[in-house]
Amino acid sequence: MTQDDPFGIALNTGKLKSRPKDASPKAEAQSDAVAEKHGFVDRAPRKKRGRKPSPRTGQVHAKVMPEVSKEIAREARMRGVQQGVLIEEAWALYKADKELD
């Protein structure tokens, strides 16, 4: 403390010295063990759990007339596929038809 500033800290530059940290794997393992013992845990992101992402990530939101919607839903149910599969097949047929022209 100094006389002028009762909350100030007097730093004597001669007494403060920096030292390099020991970064060896052994020292790191020891510090990790001590940290775990005191309740500190690793905050590094872990591998994602759960289901793998689907390759079908593109979404098409098609607004169609109600009767068309019912027909598409009925066909998908009858064939046991998702409605997106029907759209993919219809697109493939459309592209094939365009290539023939």
N, C-alpha and C. Protein backbone atom coordinates (compact mmCIF):
# COMPACT_ATOMS: atom_id res chain seq x y z
N MET A 1 0.83 -1.17 0.00
CA MET A 1 0.00 0.00 0.00
C MET A 1 0.88 1.24 0.00
N THR A 2 0.33 2.25 -0.57
CA THR A 2 1.04 3.53 -0.55
C THR A 2 0.27 4.51 0.32
N GLN A 3 0.91 5.58 0.69
CA GLN A 3 0.26 6.59 1.54
C GLN A 3 -0.84 7.32 0.77
N ASP A 4 -0.60 7.60 -0.52
CA ASP A 4 -1.56 8.37 -1.30
C ASP A 4 -2.80 7.57 -1.67
N ASP A 5 -2.60 6.30 -1.99
CA ASP A 5 -3.71 5.45 -2.42
C ASP A 5 -3.80 4.25 -1.49
N PRO A 6 -4.74 4.26 -0.53
CA PRO A 6 -4.79 3.15 0.44
C PRO A 6 -5.15 1.80 -0.19
N PHE A 7 -5.78 1.81 -1.39
CA PHE A 7 -6.15 0.55 -2.03
C PHE A 7 -5.18 0.17 -3.14
N GLY A 8 -4.15 0.93 -3.34
CA GLY A 8 -3.17 0.65 -4.38
C GLY A 8 -2.21 -0.44 -3.94
N ILE A 9 -1.64 -1.09 -4.90
CA ILE A 9 -0.67 -2.14 -4.63
C ILE A 9 0.67 -1.68 -5.19
N ALA A 10 1.66 -1.71 -4.36
CA ALA A 10 2.99 -1.32 -4.80
C ALA A 10 3.66 -2.53 -5.45
N LEU A 11 4.01 -2.40 -6.69
CA LEU A 11 4.66 -3.49 -7.41
C LEU A 11 6.15 -3.21 -7.49
N ASN A 12 6.91 -4.08 -6.94
CA ASN A 12 8.36 -3.98 -7.04
C ASN A 12 8.79 -4.82 -8.22
N THR A 13 9.19 -4.19 -9.27
CA THR A 13 9.51 -4.92 -10.50
C THR A 13 10.65 -5.90 -10.31
N GLY A 14 11.48 -5.67 -9.35
CA GLY A 14 12.59 -6.59 -9.13
C GLY A 14 12.15 -7.91 -8.53
N LYS A 15 11.00 -7.95 -7.88
CA LYS A 15 10.55 -9.16 -7.21
C LYS A 15 9.63 -10.03 -8.07
N LEU A 16 9.02 -9.42 -9.11
CA LEU A 16 8.11 -10.19 -9.96
C LEU A 16 8.89 -10.72 -11.15
N LYS A 17 8.88 -12.03 -11.30
CA LYS A 17 9.60 -12.65 -12.41
C LYS A 17 8.69 -13.70 -13.05
N SER A 18 8.75 -13.78 -14.35
CA SER A 18 7.96 -14.80 -15.04
C SER A 18 8.82 -16.04 -15.23
N ARG A 19 8.18 -17.17 -15.10
CA ARG A 19 8.86 -18.44 -15.30
C ARG A 19 8.09 -19.24 -16.33
N PRO A 20 8.77 -19.93 -17.21
CA PRO A 20 8.05 -20.75 -18.20
C PRO A 20 7.38 -21.94 -17.52
N LYS A 21 6.19 -22.28 -18.02
CA LYS A 21 5.45 -23.43 -17.48
C LYS A 21 6.04 -24.72 -18.00
N ASP A 22 5.95 -25.75 -17.18
CA ASP A 22 6.35 -27.08 -17.62
C ASP A 22 5.19 -27.64 -18.45
N ALA A 23 5.40 -27.80 -19.74
CA ALA A 23 4.33 -28.25 -20.64
C ALA A 23 4.53 -29.69 -21.08
N SER A 24 5.28 -30.44 -20.33
CA SER A 24 5.51 -31.84 -20.71
C SER A 24 4.23 -32.65 -20.49
N PRO A 25 4.07 -33.74 -21.21
CA PRO A 25 2.87 -34.57 -21.04
C PRO A 25 2.70 -35.09 -19.61
N LYS A 26 3.82 -35.37 -18.95
CA LYS A 26 3.75 -35.87 -17.57
C LYS A 26 3.19 -34.79 -16.65
N ALA A 27 3.68 -33.56 -16.77
CA ALA A 27 3.20 -32.46 -15.93
C ALA A 27 1.73 -32.16 -16.23
N GLU A 28 1.36 -32.25 -17.49
CA GLU A 28 -0.04 -32.00 -17.87
C GLU A 28 -0.96 -33.07 -17.29
N ALA A 29 -0.53 -34.32 -17.33
CA ALA A 29 -1.33 -35.40 -16.77
C ALA A 29 -1.48 -35.23 -15.26
N GLN A 30 -0.40 -34.80 -14.59
CA GLN A 30 -0.48 -34.59 -13.15
C GLN A 30 -1.45 -33.47 -12.81
N SER A 31 -1.39 -32.37 -13.55
CA SER A 31 -2.30 -31.25 -13.27
C SER A 31 -3.74 -31.63 -13.58
N ASP A 32 -3.97 -32.44 -14.61
CA ASP A 32 -5.33 -32.90 -14.92
C ASP A 32 -5.87 -33.77 -13.80
N ALA A 33 -5.02 -34.65 -13.25
CA ALA A 33 -5.44 -35.53 -12.17
C ALA A 33 -5.80 -34.71 -10.93
N VAL A 34 -4.98 -33.71 -10.60
CA VAL A 34 -5.26 -32.86 -9.44
C VAL A 34 -6.55 -32.06 -9.68
N ALA A 35 -6.73 -31.56 -10.89
CA ALA A 35 -7.94 -30.78 -11.20
C ALA A 35 -9.19 -31.64 -11.07
N GLU A 36 -9.14 -32.87 -11.56
CA GLU A 36 -10.31 -33.77 -11.44
C GLU A 36 -10.61 -34.07 -9.98
N LYS A 37 -9.54 -34.23 -9.19
CA LYS A 37 -9.72 -34.52 -7.77
C LYS A 37 -10.45 -33.36 -7.07
N HIS A 38 -10.22 -32.15 -7.54
CA HIS A 38 -10.85 -30.98 -6.93
C HIS A 38 -12.16 -30.58 -7.61
N GLY A 39 -12.63 -31.40 -8.54
CA GLY A 39 -13.95 -31.16 -9.13
C GLY A 39 -13.94 -30.43 -10.46
N PHE A 40 -12.79 -30.14 -11.01
CA PHE A 40 -12.74 -29.50 -12.32
C PHE A 40 -12.81 -30.57 -13.40
N VAL A 41 -13.62 -30.32 -14.41
CA VAL A 41 -13.77 -31.29 -15.49
C VAL A 41 -13.35 -30.66 -16.81
N ASP A 42 -13.05 -31.50 -17.75
CA ASP A 42 -12.64 -31.05 -19.08
C ASP A 42 -13.83 -30.40 -19.78
N ARG A 43 -13.64 -29.19 -20.30
CA ARG A 43 -14.72 -28.49 -20.98
C ARG A 43 -14.60 -28.55 -22.49
N ALA A 44 -13.67 -29.32 -22.97
CA ALA A 44 -13.50 -29.45 -24.42
C ALA A 44 -14.76 -30.10 -25.00
N PRO A 45 -15.19 -29.66 -26.17
CA PRO A 45 -16.40 -30.27 -26.75
C PRO A 45 -16.20 -31.74 -27.03
N ARG A 46 -17.16 -32.51 -26.65
CA ARG A 46 -17.09 -33.95 -26.86
C ARG A 46 -17.67 -34.30 -28.23
N LYS A 47 -17.44 -35.54 -28.62
CA LYS A 47 -17.97 -36.02 -29.90
C LYS A 47 -19.49 -35.96 -29.86
N LYS A 48 -20.08 -35.55 -30.97
CA LYS A 48 -21.54 -35.45 -31.02
C LYS A 48 -22.15 -36.83 -30.88
N ARG A 49 -23.17 -36.88 -30.04
CA ARG A 49 -23.87 -38.15 -29.83
C ARG A 49 -25.14 -38.15 -30.65
N GLY A 50 -25.73 -39.29 -30.73
CA GLY A 50 -27.03 -39.37 -31.39
C GLY A 50 -26.94 -39.83 -32.83
N ARG A 51 -28.03 -39.62 -33.51
CA ARG A 51 -28.18 -40.10 -34.87
C ARG A 51 -27.30 -39.31 -35.83
N LYS A 52 -26.76 -40.01 -36.81
CA LYS A 52 -25.95 -39.36 -37.84
C LYS A 52 -26.87 -38.51 -38.72
N PRO A 53 -26.36 -37.40 -39.23
CA PRO A 53 -27.21 -36.57 -40.09
C PRO A 53 -27.56 -37.29 -41.39
N SER A 54 -28.75 -37.04 -41.86
CA SER A 54 -29.23 -37.67 -43.07
C SER A 54 -28.64 -36.98 -44.30
N PRO A 55 -28.37 -37.74 -45.36
CA PRO A 55 -27.92 -37.09 -46.58
C PRO A 55 -29.03 -36.27 -47.23
N ARG A 56 -30.26 -36.48 -46.82
CA ARG A 56 -31.40 -35.74 -47.37
C ARG A 56 -31.66 -34.53 -46.48
N THR A 57 -30.85 -33.51 -46.65
CA THR A 57 -31.01 -32.34 -45.80
C THR A 57 -31.68 -31.18 -46.51
N GLY A 58 -31.74 -31.23 -47.83
CA GLY A 58 -32.40 -30.15 -48.56
C GLY A 58 -33.90 -30.26 -48.41
N GLN A 59 -34.55 -29.13 -48.12
CA GLN A 59 -35.99 -29.16 -47.95
C GLN A 59 -36.67 -28.37 -49.05
N VAL A 60 -37.77 -28.92 -49.51
CA VAL A 60 -38.60 -28.24 -50.49
C VAL A 60 -39.98 -28.10 -49.85
N HIS A 61 -40.43 -26.87 -49.78
CA HIS A 61 -41.76 -26.65 -49.22
C HIS A 61 -42.66 -26.25 -50.39
N ALA A 62 -43.40 -27.22 -50.86
CA ALA A 62 -44.26 -26.97 -52.01
C ALA A 62 -45.70 -26.77 -51.53
N LYS A 63 -46.27 -25.65 -51.89
CA LYS A 63 -47.68 -25.42 -51.59
C LYS A 63 -48.47 -25.88 -52.80
N VAL A 64 -49.34 -26.84 -52.57
CA VAL A 64 -50.15 -27.39 -53.65
C VAL A 64 -51.62 -27.33 -53.24
N MET A 65 -52.46 -27.54 -54.22
CA MET A 65 -53.90 -27.55 -53.95
C MET A 65 -54.22 -28.74 -53.04
N PRO A 66 -55.25 -28.63 -52.21
CA PRO A 66 -55.56 -29.69 -51.25
C PRO A 66 -55.75 -31.07 -51.88
N GLU A 67 -56.40 -31.12 -53.06
CA GLU A 67 -56.62 -32.44 -53.68
C GLU A 67 -55.30 -33.06 -54.15
N VAL A 68 -54.36 -32.23 -54.62
CA VAL A 68 -53.04 -32.74 -55.03
C VAL A 68 -52.29 -33.25 -53.80
N SER A 69 -52.38 -32.52 -52.71
CA SER A 69 -51.72 -32.92 -51.47
C SER A 69 -52.22 -34.28 -51.00
N LYS A 70 -53.53 -34.47 -51.08
CA LYS A 70 -54.12 -35.75 -50.66
C LYS A 70 -53.66 -36.89 -51.57
N GLU A 71 -53.56 -36.62 -52.87
CA GLU A 71 -53.12 -37.64 -53.81
C GLU A 71 -51.66 -38.03 -53.57
N ILE A 72 -50.83 -37.04 -53.32
CA ILE A 72 -49.41 -37.33 -53.05
C ILE A 72 -49.28 -38.14 -51.77
N ALA A 73 -50.01 -37.74 -50.73
CA ALA A 73 -49.95 -38.46 -49.45
C ALA A 73 -50.45 -39.89 -49.61
N ARG A 74 -51.53 -40.07 -50.38
CA ARG A 74 -52.08 -41.41 -50.59
C ARG A 74 -51.07 -42.29 -51.33
N GLU A 75 -50.44 -41.75 -52.39
CA GLU A 75 -49.46 -42.51 -53.17
C GLU A 75 -48.25 -42.89 -52.29
N ALA A 76 -47.78 -41.96 -51.47
CA ALA A 76 -46.64 -42.24 -50.60
C ALA A 76 -46.98 -43.33 -49.60
N ARG A 77 -48.17 -43.23 -49.02
CA ARG A 77 -48.61 -44.26 -48.06
C ARG A 77 -48.72 -45.62 -48.75
N MET A 78 -49.31 -45.65 -49.94
CA MET A 78 -49.51 -46.89 -50.67
C MET A 78 -48.17 -47.56 -50.99
N ARG A 79 -47.18 -46.74 -51.39
CA ARG A 79 -45.88 -47.29 -51.76
C ARG A 79 -44.95 -47.47 -50.57
N GLY A 80 -45.32 -46.93 -49.42
CA GLY A 80 -44.50 -47.08 -48.22
C GLY A 80 -43.24 -46.24 -48.24
N VAL A 81 -43.32 -45.05 -48.85
CA VAL A 81 -42.17 -44.15 -48.90
C VAL A 81 -42.59 -42.78 -48.38
N GLN A 82 -41.61 -41.93 -48.16
CA GLN A 82 -41.89 -40.56 -47.77
C GLN A 82 -42.29 -39.74 -48.99
N GLN A 83 -42.98 -38.64 -48.75
CA GLN A 83 -43.41 -37.79 -49.86
C GLN A 83 -42.23 -37.19 -50.60
N GLY A 84 -41.13 -36.96 -49.89
CA GLY A 84 -39.93 -36.43 -50.53
C GLY A 84 -39.37 -37.37 -51.58
N VAL A 85 -39.51 -38.67 -51.34
CA VAL A 85 -39.04 -39.65 -52.33
C VAL A 85 -39.84 -39.51 -53.61
N LEU A 86 -41.15 -39.29 -53.48
CA LEU A 86 -41.98 -39.09 -54.67
C LEU A 86 -41.54 -37.86 -55.44
N ILE A 87 -41.22 -36.80 -54.71
CA ILE A 87 -40.77 -35.56 -55.37
C ILE A 87 -39.45 -35.80 -56.09
N GLU A 88 -38.53 -36.54 -55.45
CA GLU A 88 -37.25 -36.84 -56.10
C GLU A 88 -37.46 -37.65 -57.38
N GLU A 89 -38.35 -38.64 -57.32
CA GLU A 89 -38.61 -39.46 -58.51
C GLU A 89 -39.27 -38.63 -59.61
N ALA A 90 -40.20 -37.76 -59.23
CA ALA A 90 -40.87 -36.91 -60.22
C ALA A 90 -39.85 -35.98 -60.86
N TRP A 91 -38.92 -35.47 -60.10
CA TRP A 91 -37.89 -34.57 -60.64
C TRP A 91 -36.98 -35.33 -61.61
N ALA A 92 -36.62 -36.57 -61.25
CA ALA A 92 -35.78 -37.39 -62.14
C ALA A 92 -36.50 -37.64 -63.46
N LEU A 93 -37.80 -37.92 -63.41
CA LEU A 93 -38.58 -38.13 -64.64
C LEU A 93 -38.64 -36.84 -65.47
N TYR A 94 -38.81 -35.72 -64.80
CA TYR A 94 -38.85 -34.42 -65.48
C TYR A 94 -37.53 -34.15 -66.20
N LYS A 95 -36.40 -34.39 -65.51
CA LYS A 95 -35.09 -34.15 -66.12
C LYS A 95 -34.85 -35.09 -67.29
N ALA A 96 -35.26 -36.35 -67.15
CA ALA A 96 -35.09 -37.32 -68.23
C ALA A 96 -35.91 -36.90 -69.47
N ASP A 97 -37.11 -36.40 -69.22
CA ASP A 97 -37.97 -35.94 -70.29
C ASP A 97 -37.36 -34.72 -71.00
N LYS A 98 -36.75 -33.82 -70.23
CA LYS A 98 -36.12 -32.63 -70.81
C LYS A 98 -34.91 -32.98 -71.66
N GLU A 99 -34.18 -34.02 -71.26
CA GLU A 99 -32.98 -34.44 -72.01
C GLU A 99 -33.34 -35.05 -73.35
N LEU A 100 -34.52 -35.65 -73.44
CA LEU A 100 -34.96 -36.27 -74.69
C LEU A 100 -35.34 -35.23 -75.73
N ASP A 101 -35.74 -34.05 -75.29
CA ASP A 101 -36.18 -33.01 -76.24
C ASP A 101 -35.04 -32.48 -77.06
